[in-house]
C-alpha atoms as a PDB file:
ATOM      1  CA  UNK A   1     -29.012  68.002  90.871  1.00  0.00           C
ATOM      2  CA  UNK A   2     -27.117  64.334  91.199  1.00  0.00           C
ATOM      3  CA  UNK A   3     -25.172  65.060  87.977  1.00  0.00           C
ATOM      4  CA  UNK A   4     -24.114  68.870  89.073  1.00  0.00           C
ATOM      5  CA  UNK A   5     -23.001  67.589  92.285  1.00  0.00           C
ATOM      6  CA  UNK A   6     -20.967  64.698  90.533  1.00  0.00           C
ATOM      7  CA  UNK A   7     -19.476  67.816  87.739  1.00  0.00           C
ATOM      8  CA  UNK A   8     -18.422  69.645  91.143  1.00  0.00           C
ATOM      9  CA  UNK A   9     -16.835  66.562  92.830  1.00  0.00           C
ATOM     10  CA  UNK A  10     -14.694  66.117  89.138  1.00  0.00           C
ATOM     11  CA  UNK A  11     -13.491  69.949  88.743  1.00  0.00           C
ATOM     12  CA  UNK A  12     -12.728  69.661  92.543  1.00  0.00           C
ATOM     13  CA  UNK A  13     -10.591  65.985  92.205  1.00  0.00           C
ATOM     14  CA  UNK A  14      -8.963  68.086  89.293  1.00  0.00           C
ATOM     15  CA  UNK A  15      -7.723  70.649  91.077  1.00  0.00           C
ATOM     16  CA  UNK A  16      -6.671  68.718  94.201  1.00  0.00           C
ATOM     17  CA  UNK A  17      -4.218  65.958  92.490  1.00  0.00           C
ATOM     18  CA  UNK A  18      -1.053  67.477  91.389  1.00  0.00           C
ATOM     19  CA  UNK A  19      -0.694  66.778  87.719  1.00  0.00           C
ATOM     20  CA  UNK A  20       3.000  65.020  88.149  1.00  0.00           C
ATOM     21  CA  UNK A  21       0.979  62.106  89.670  1.00  0.00           C
ATOM     22  CA  UNK A  22       0.011  61.189  86.258  1.00  0.00           C
ATOM     23  CA  UNK A  23       3.085  61.453  84.567  1.00  0.00           C
ATOM     24  CA  UNK A  24       4.877  58.149  85.011  1.00  0.00           C
ATOM     25  CA  UNK A  25       1.645  56.636  82.525  1.00  0.00           C
ATOM     26  CA  UNK A  26       1.501  59.587  80.051  1.00  0.00           C
ATOM     27  CA  UNK A  27       2.665  59.148  76.729  1.00  0.00           C
ATOM     28  CA  UNK A  28       4.996  61.883  75.150  1.00  0.00           C
ATOM     29  CA  UNK A  29       1.999  63.324  73.575  1.00  0.00           C
ATOM     30  CA  UNK A  30       0.307  63.943  76.846  1.00  0.00           C
ATOM     31  CA  UNK A  31       3.192  65.229  78.537  1.00  0.00           C
ATOM     32  CA  UNK A  32       3.771  67.626  75.914  1.00  0.00           C
ATOM     33  CA  UNK A  33       0.294  68.548  75.952  1.00  0.00           C
ATOM     34  CA  UNK A  34       0.411  68.980  79.867  1.00  0.00           C
ATOM     35  CA  UNK A  35       3.717  71.133  79.546  1.00  0.00           C
ATOM     36  CA  UNK A  36       2.550  73.243  77.011  1.00  0.00           C
ATOM     37  CA  UNK A  37      -0.723  74.124  79.191  1.00  0.00           C
ATOM     38  CA  UNK A  38       1.607  75.018  82.065  1.00  0.00           C
ATOM     39  CA  UNK A  39       3.431  77.382  79.879  1.00  0.00           C
ATOM     40  CA  UNK A  40       0.465  78.790  78.232  1.00  0.00           C
ATOM     41  CA  UNK A  41      -0.813  79.412  82.034  1.00  0.00           C
ATOM     42  CA  UNK A  42       2.666  80.854  83.137  1.00  0.00           C
ATOM     43  CA  UNK A  43       3.860  83.251  80.551  1.00  0.00           C
ATOM     44  CA  UNK A  44      -0.180  84.321  79.409  1.00  0.00           C
ATOM     45  CA  UNK A  45      -2.134  84.580  82.336  1.00  0.00           C
ATOM     46  CA  UNK A  46      -0.728  84.186  86.275  1.00  0.00           C
ATOM     47  CA  UNK A  47       2.848  84.907  85.134  1.00  0.00           C
ATOM     48  CA  UNK A  48       4.266  82.071  87.247  1.00  0.00           C
ATOM     49  CA  UNK A  49       7.042  80.591  87.453  1.00  0.00           C
ATOM     50  CA  UNK A  50       7.737  78.302  84.254  1.00  0.00           C
ATOM     51  CA  UNK A  51       9.922  75.944  85.673  1.00  0.00           C
ATOM     52  CA  UNK A  52       7.117  73.283  86.099  1.00  0.00           C
ATOM     53  CA  UNK A  53       6.561  73.830  82.605  1.00  0.00           C
ATOM     54  CA  UNK A  54       9.822  73.125  81.651  1.00  0.00           C
ATOM     55  CA  UNK A  55      10.471  70.117  83.772  1.00  0.00           C
ATOM     56  CA  UNK A  56       7.329  68.751  81.990  1.00  0.00           C
ATOM     57  CA  UNK A  57       9.041  69.436  78.618  1.00  0.00           C
ATOM     58  CA  UNK A  58      11.929  67.686  79.663  1.00  0.00           C
ATOM     59  CA  UNK A  59      10.040  64.622  80.065  1.00  0.00           C
ATOM     60  CA  UNK A  60       8.104  65.038  77.256  1.00  0.00           C
ATOM     61  CA  UNK A  61      11.322  65.662  75.219  1.00  0.00           C
ATOM     62  CA  UNK A  62      13.146  62.798  76.940  1.00  0.00           C
ATOM     63  CA  UNK A  63      10.292  60.477  75.929  1.00  0.00           C
ATOM     64  CA  UNK A  64      11.396  61.547  72.266  1.00  0.00           C
ATOM     65  CA  UNK A  65       8.311  64.099  71.448  1.00  0.00           C
ATOM     66  CA  UNK A  66      10.186  66.531  69.162  1.00  0.00           C
ATOM     67  CA  UNK A  67       8.113  69.557  69.716  1.00  0.00           C
ATOM     68  CA  UNK A  68       8.926  69.300  73.730  1.00  0.00           C
ATOM     69  CA  UNK A  69      12.466  68.902  72.272  1.00  0.00           C
ATOM     70  CA  UNK A  70      12.103  72.037  70.737  1.00  0.00           C
ATOM     71  CA  UNK A  71      10.614  74.205  73.564  1.00  0.00           C
ATOM     72  CA  UNK A  72      13.495  72.680  75.208  1.00  0.00           C
ATOM     73  CA  UNK A  73      15.848  74.436  73.090  1.00  0.00           C
ATOM     74  CA  UNK A  74      13.795  77.540  73.162  1.00  0.00           C
ATOM     75  CA  UNK A  75      13.750  77.801  76.843  1.00  0.00           C
ATOM     76  CA  UNK A  76      17.106  77.305  76.992  1.00  0.00           C
ATOM     77  CA  UNK A  77      17.722  79.883  74.218  1.00  0.00           C
ATOM     78  CA  UNK A  78      16.031  82.663  75.717  1.00  0.00           C
ATOM     79  CA  UNK A  79      16.545  81.508  79.292  1.00  0.00           C
ATOM     80  CA  UNK A  80      13.078  80.561  80.498  1.00  0.00           C
ATOM     81  CA  UNK A  81      12.290  78.713  83.404  1.00  0.00           C
ATOM     82  CA  UNK A  82      16.418  77.897  83.236  1.00  0.00           C
ATOM     83  CA  UNK A  83      19.344  79.756  83.080  1.00  0.00           C
ATOM     84  CA  UNK A  84      20.107  80.629  79.545  1.00  0.00           C
ATOM     85  CA  UNK A  85      22.504  78.433  77.707  1.00  0.00           C
ATOM     86  CA  UNK A  86      23.176  78.454  73.849  1.00  0.00           C
ATOM     87  CA  UNK A  87      25.181  74.719  74.362  1.00  0.00           C
ATOM     88  CA  UNK A  88      21.896  73.342  75.882  1.00  0.00           C
ATOM     89  CA  UNK A  89      19.579  74.974  73.293  1.00  0.00           C
ATOM     90  CA  UNK A  90      21.985  73.169  69.979  1.00  0.00           C
ATOM     91  CA  UNK A  91      22.078  69.955  71.831  1.00  0.00           C
ATOM     92  CA  UNK A  92      17.875  70.522  72.095  1.00  0.00           C
ATOM     93  CA  UNK A  93      17.529  71.670  68.748  1.00  0.00           C
ATOM     94  CA  UNK A  94      19.790  68.959  67.011  1.00  0.00           C
ATOM     95  CA  UNK A  95      17.900  66.548  68.745  1.00  0.00           C
ATOM     96  CA  UNK A  96      14.470  68.128  67.416  1.00  0.00           C
ATOM     97  CA  UNK A  97      16.354  68.292  63.739  1.00  0.00           C
ATOM     98  CA  UNK A  98      17.048  64.427  63.682  1.00  0.00           C
ATOM     99  CA  UNK A  99      13.507  63.831  64.498  1.00  0.00           C
ATOM    100  CA  UNK A 100      12.297  65.701  61.609  1.00  0.00           C
ATOM    101  CA  UNK A 101      11.067  68.844  62.888  1.00  0.00           C
ATOM    102  CA  UNK A 102      12.198  71.137  60.155  1.00  0.00           C
ATOM    103  CA  UNK A 103      11.867  74.663  61.948  1.00  0.00           C
ATOM    104  CA  UNK A 104      15.295  73.219  64.091  1.00  0.00           C
ATOM    105  CA  UNK A 105      17.354  73.782  61.411  1.00  0.00           C
ATOM    106  CA  UNK A 106      16.668  77.423  60.928  1.00  0.00           C
ATOM    107  CA  UNK A 107      16.880  77.273  65.110  1.00  0.00           C
ATOM    108  CA  UNK A 108      20.582  75.465  64.982  1.00  0.00           C
ATOM    109  CA  UNK A 109      21.880  78.127  62.487  1.00  0.00           C
ATOM    110  CA  UNK A 110      20.373  81.472  64.534  1.00  0.00           C
ATOM    111  CA  UNK A 111      21.576  79.822  67.748  1.00  0.00           C
ATOM    112  CA  UNK A 112      25.123  79.521  66.088  1.00  0.00           C
ATOM    113  CA  UNK A 113      24.959  82.917  64.327  1.00  0.00           C
ATOM    114  CA  UNK A 114      24.331  84.276  67.824  1.00  0.00           C
ATOM    115  CA  UNK A 115      26.712  82.485  69.835  1.00  0.00           C
ATOM    116  CA  UNK A 116      29.445  83.521  66.891  1.00  0.00           C
ATOM    117  CA  UNK A 117      28.149  87.291  67.157  1.00  0.00           C
ATOM    118  CA  UNK A 118      28.986  87.679  71.019  1.00  0.00           C
ATOM    119  CA  UNK A 119      32.424  85.865  70.310  1.00  0.00           C
ATOM    120  CA  UNK A 120      33.150  88.491  67.535  1.00  0.00           C
ATOM    121  CA  UNK A 121      31.713  91.087  69.976  1.00  0.00           C
ATOM    122  CA  UNK A 122      33.506  90.044  73.342  1.00  0.00           C
ATOM    123  CA  UNK A 123      36.913  89.525  70.668  1.00  0.00           C
ATOM    124  CA  UNK A 124      36.745  93.395  70.034  1.00  0.00           C
ATOM    125  CA  UNK A 125      35.883  94.594  73.718  1.00  0.00           C
ATOM    126  CA  UNK A 126      39.273  92.760  74.195  1.00  0.00           C
ATOM    127  CA  UNK A 127      41.370  93.976  71.426  1.00  0.00           C
ATOM    128  CA  UNK A 128      39.638  97.569  72.952  1.00  0.00           C
ATOM    129  CA  UNK A 129      40.736  96.754  76.337  1.00  0.00           C
ATOM    130  CA  UNK A 130      43.994  95.685  75.045  1.00  0.00           C
ATOM    131  CA  UNK A 131      44.776  98.728  72.859  1.00  0.00           C
ATOM    132  CA  UNK A 132      43.924 100.882  75.848  1.00  0.00           C
ATOM    133  CA  UNK A 133      46.292  99.543  78.119  1.00  0.00           C
ATOM    134  CA  UNK A 134      48.788  99.857  75.048  1.00  0.00           C
ATOM    135  CA  UNK A 135      48.265 103.604  75.064  1.00  0.00           C
ATOM    136  CA  UNK A 136      48.005 104.326  78.606  1.00  0.00           C
ATOM    137  CA  UNK A 137      51.719 102.321  78.966  1.00  0.00           C
ATOM    138  CA  UNK A 138      52.670 104.453  75.970  1.00  0.00           C
ATOM    139  CA  UNK A 139      51.230 107.616  77.880  1.00  0.00           C
ATOM    140  CA  UNK A 140      53.251 106.681  81.310  1.00  0.00           C
ATOM    141  CA  UNK A 141      56.560 106.144  78.969  1.00  0.00           C
ATOM    142  CA  UNK A 142      56.117 109.330  77.236  1.00  0.00           C
ATOM    143  CA  UNK A 143      55.613 110.818  80.898  1.00  0.00           C
ATOM    144  CA  UNK A 144      59.146 109.225  82.116  1.00  0.00           C
ATOM    145  CA  UNK A 145      60.784 110.708  78.974  1.00  0.00           C
ATOM    146  CA  UNK A 146      59.425 114.204  79.678  1.00  0.00           C
ATOM    147  CA  UNK A 147      60.303 114.034  83.854  1.00  0.00           C
ATOM    148  CA  UNK A 148      63.740 112.865  82.441  1.00  0.00           C
ATOM    149  CA  UNK A 149      64.211 115.339  80.204  1.00  0.00           C
ATOM    150  CA  UNK A 150      62.681 118.143  82.722  1.00  0.00           C
ATOM    151  CA  UNK A 151      65.486 117.190  85.439  1.00  0.00           C
ATOM    152  CA  UNK A 152      68.829 117.419  83.438  1.00  0.00           C
END
């Protein structure tokens, strides 16, 4: 009976103490593990705000954990828990690559390719807009000429 009460007390204390209270003393691995737990809970179970997981990933990444750096890159690339930002994603992926994460190089190439594709698409839209403007100007000029001829 006493053992059951101790277990219940431990469970209550576990949920009563916020995880951030332990972060100051955590290693990079522990911070990453906690961040991973929050992220998985947020995405699979409760669909809660992912900003807590991102905060913990950030702490673990700043402690030098390469997989947390990858996760930060993923969060920025996909806009998970932070505003989407390819530049920030590339920064985190490059740091992970420097720490030896093999898939980071592939992610860097993927992001750079996506950025290039967006730039090309933007340039095409701008070119199409310029062409539409020029077409309208030609039509207006032709209309003025017709009106001038009609007046003569």
